[in-house]
C-alpha atoms as a PDB file:
ATOM      1  CA  UNK A   1      48.540  50.150 -65.110  1.00  0.00           C
ATOM      2  CA  UNK A   2      49.368  46.605 -66.147  1.00  0.00           C
ATOM      3  CA  UNK A   3      52.290  45.128 -64.238  1.00  0.00           C
ATOM      4  CA  UNK A   4      52.219  41.704 -65.883  1.00  0.00           C
ATOM      5  CA  UNK A   5      51.891  41.411 -69.634  1.00  0.00           C
ATOM      6  CA  UNK A   6      50.300  38.530 -71.538  1.00  0.00           C
ATOM      7  CA  UNK A   7      53.730  37.825 -73.044  1.00  0.00           C
ATOM      8  CA  UNK A   8      55.151  37.316 -69.534  1.00  0.00           C
ATOM      9  CA  UNK A   9      52.264  35.030 -68.660  1.00  0.00           C
ATOM     10  CA  UNK A  10      52.918  32.996 -71.813  1.00  0.00           C
ATOM     11  CA  UNK A  11      56.624  32.768 -70.978  1.00  0.00           C
ATOM     12  CA  UNK A  12      55.923  31.515 -67.455  1.00  0.00           C
ATOM     13  CA  UNK A  13      53.283  29.105 -68.771  1.00  0.00           C
ATOM     14  CA  UNK A  14      55.844  27.748 -71.251  1.00  0.00           C
ATOM     15  CA  UNK A  15      58.402  27.214 -68.466  1.00  0.00           C
ATOM     16  CA  UNK A  16      55.759  25.541 -66.295  1.00  0.00           C
ATOM     17  CA  UNK A  17      54.639  23.363 -69.223  1.00  0.00           C
ATOM     18  CA  UNK A  18      51.100  24.767 -68.995  1.00  0.00           C
ATOM     19  CA  UNK A  19      49.104  25.178 -72.166  1.00  0.00           C
ATOM     20  CA  UNK A  20      47.000  28.309 -72.394  1.00  0.00           C
ATOM     21  CA  UNK A  21      44.049  28.667 -74.739  1.00  0.00           C
ATOM     22  CA  UNK A  22      43.773  31.663 -77.055  1.00  0.00           C
ATOM     23  CA  UNK A  23      43.143  34.810 -75.051  1.00  0.00           C
ATOM     24  CA  UNK A  24      43.722  33.067 -71.747  1.00  0.00           C
ATOM     25  CA  UNK A  25      47.081  34.779 -71.230  1.00  0.00           C
ATOM     26  CA  UNK A  26      45.336  38.164 -71.313  1.00  0.00           C
ATOM     27  CA  UNK A  27      42.809  36.967 -68.729  1.00  0.00           C
ATOM     28  CA  UNK A  28      45.504  35.511 -66.436  1.00  0.00           C
ATOM     29  CA  UNK A  29      47.603  38.687 -66.740  1.00  0.00           C
ATOM     30  CA  UNK A  30      44.594  40.746 -65.628  1.00  0.00           C
ATOM     31  CA  UNK A  31      44.025  38.416 -62.654  1.00  0.00           C
ATOM     32  CA  UNK A  32      47.681  38.621 -61.604  1.00  0.00           C
ATOM     33  CA  UNK A  33      47.491  42.420 -61.854  1.00  0.00           C
ATOM     34  CA  UNK A  34      44.474  42.380 -59.521  1.00  0.00           C
ATOM     35  CA  UNK A  35      46.371  40.266 -56.993  1.00  0.00           C
ATOM     36  CA  UNK A  36      49.404  42.545 -57.174  1.00  0.00           C
ATOM     37  CA  UNK A  37      47.175  45.614 -56.750  1.00  0.00           C
ATOM     38  CA  UNK A  38      45.756  44.044 -53.595  1.00  0.00           C
ATOM     39  CA  UNK A  39      49.277  43.316 -52.324  1.00  0.00           C
ATOM     40  CA  UNK A  40      50.212  46.974 -52.936  1.00  0.00           C
ATOM     41  CA  UNK A  41      47.147  47.998 -50.933  1.00  0.00           C
ATOM     42  CA  UNK A  42      48.215  45.726 -48.067  1.00  0.00           C
ATOM     43  CA  UNK A  43      51.752  47.095 -48.179  1.00  0.00           C
ATOM     44  CA  UNK A  44      50.362  50.605 -47.659  1.00  0.00           C
ATOM     45  CA  UNK A  45      49.004  49.666 -44.218  1.00  0.00           C
ATOM     46  CA  UNK A  46      51.247  51.074 -41.471  1.00  0.00           C
ATOM     47  CA  UNK A  47      52.396  48.056 -39.461  1.00  0.00           C
ATOM     48  CA  UNK A  48      55.590  49.382 -37.894  1.00  0.00           C
ATOM     49  CA  UNK A  49      54.033  49.582 -34.422  1.00  0.00           C
ATOM     50  CA  UNK A  50      52.516  46.094 -34.568  1.00  0.00           C
ATOM     51  CA  UNK A  51      54.566  43.311 -33.043  1.00  0.00           C
ATOM     52  CA  UNK A  52      54.964  40.263 -35.301  1.00  0.00           C
ATOM     53  CA  UNK A  53      53.089  37.131 -34.332  1.00  0.00           C
ATOM     54  CA  UNK A  54      53.512  33.546 -35.400  1.00  0.00           C
ATOM     55  CA  UNK A  55      49.918  32.617 -34.597  1.00  0.00           C
ATOM     56  CA  UNK A  56      46.790  34.597 -33.803  1.00  0.00           C
ATOM     57  CA  UNK A  57      45.933  32.419 -30.798  1.00  0.00           C
ATOM     58  CA  UNK A  58      48.211  31.750 -27.839  1.00  0.00           C
ATOM     59  CA  UNK A  59      49.723  28.280 -28.142  1.00  0.00           C
ATOM     60  CA  UNK A  60      51.337  26.132 -25.497  1.00  0.00           C
ATOM     61  CA  UNK A  61      52.958  22.753 -25.892  1.00  0.00           C
ATOM     62  CA  UNK A  62      51.450  19.972 -23.853  1.00  0.00           C
ATOM     63  CA  UNK A  63      54.433  18.058 -22.616  1.00  0.00           C
ATOM     64  CA  UNK A  64      55.254  15.612 -19.904  1.00  0.00           C
ATOM     65  CA  UNK A  65      58.540  15.201 -18.110  1.00  0.00           C
ATOM     66  CA  UNK A  66      60.908  12.593 -19.525  1.00  0.00           C
ATOM     67  CA  UNK A  67      60.852   9.354 -17.619  1.00  0.00           C
ATOM     68  CA  UNK A  68      63.171   6.438 -18.082  1.00  0.00           C
ATOM     69  CA  UNK A  69      61.471   3.071 -18.237  1.00  0.00           C
ATOM     70  CA  UNK A  70      63.014  -0.318 -18.707  1.00  0.00           C
ATOM     71  CA  UNK A  71      62.923  -1.643 -22.254  1.00  0.00           C
ATOM     72  CA  UNK A  72      62.874  -5.173 -23.588  1.00  0.00           C
ATOM     73  CA  UNK A  73      66.081  -7.086 -23.642  1.00  0.00           C
ATOM     74  CA  UNK A  74      67.187  -7.811 -27.241  1.00  0.00           C
ATOM     75  CA  UNK A  75      66.622 -11.540 -26.724  1.00  0.00           C
ATOM     76  CA  UNK A  76      63.050 -10.896 -25.536  1.00  0.00           C
ATOM     77  CA  UNK A  77      62.287  -8.649 -28.532  1.00  0.00           C
ATOM     78  CA  UNK A  78      63.533 -11.297 -30.970  1.00  0.00           C
ATOM     79  CA  UNK A  79      61.594 -13.998 -29.118  1.00  0.00           C
ATOM     80  CA  UNK A  80      58.366 -11.996 -29.672  1.00  0.00           C
ATOM     81  CA  UNK A  81      58.944 -11.692 -33.450  1.00  0.00           C
ATOM     82  CA  UNK A  82      56.718 -13.922 -35.609  1.00  0.00           C
ATOM     83  CA  UNK A  83      59.603 -14.939 -37.903  1.00  0.00           C
ATOM     84  CA  UNK A  84      63.208 -15.095 -36.788  1.00  0.00           C
ATOM     85  CA  UNK A  85      66.501 -16.690 -37.681  1.00  0.00           C
ATOM     86  CA  UNK A  86      68.863 -16.997 -34.766  1.00  0.00           C
ATOM     87  CA  UNK A  87      69.112 -13.617 -33.066  1.00  0.00           C
ATOM     88  CA  UNK A  88      67.684 -11.754 -36.115  1.00  0.00           C
ATOM     89  CA  UNK A  89      64.112 -10.786 -36.993  1.00  0.00           C
ATOM     90  CA  UNK A  90      63.066 -11.772 -40.526  1.00  0.00           C
ATOM     91  CA  UNK A  91      60.766  -9.400 -42.410  1.00  0.00           C
ATOM     92  CA  UNK A  92      59.158  -9.581 -45.886  1.00  0.00           C
ATOM     93  CA  UNK A  93      61.061  -8.075 -48.786  1.00  0.00           C
ATOM     94  CA  UNK A  94      59.957  -4.477 -49.322  1.00  0.00           C
ATOM     95  CA  UNK A  95      62.374  -3.298 -52.024  1.00  0.00           C
ATOM     96  CA  UNK A  96      62.520  -4.804 -55.487  1.00  0.00           C
ATOM     97  CA  UNK A  97      65.699  -3.778 -57.303  1.00  0.00           C
ATOM     98  CA  UNK A  98      64.951  -5.586 -60.557  1.00  0.00           C
END
């Protein structure tokens, strides 16, 4: 029983701007039908008693406790910059709006 017709494949290919060769729509429709048949087979498996999982292996985050550390004073950060103008850091132009 065909679920997807070649006409539907051609319509989707048109919307996706994909060109199909002669007879290719029939081939793709058959492949999609095979995939959908497999999905139907998977849907027939009784999974009501199986608890959902997000990953097959147990995962744990490796974290460290937050620690406050002193940071550079703004004047020190600007002093370390290779190119500066007053209290500002100069950087190369990265956006060209022309």
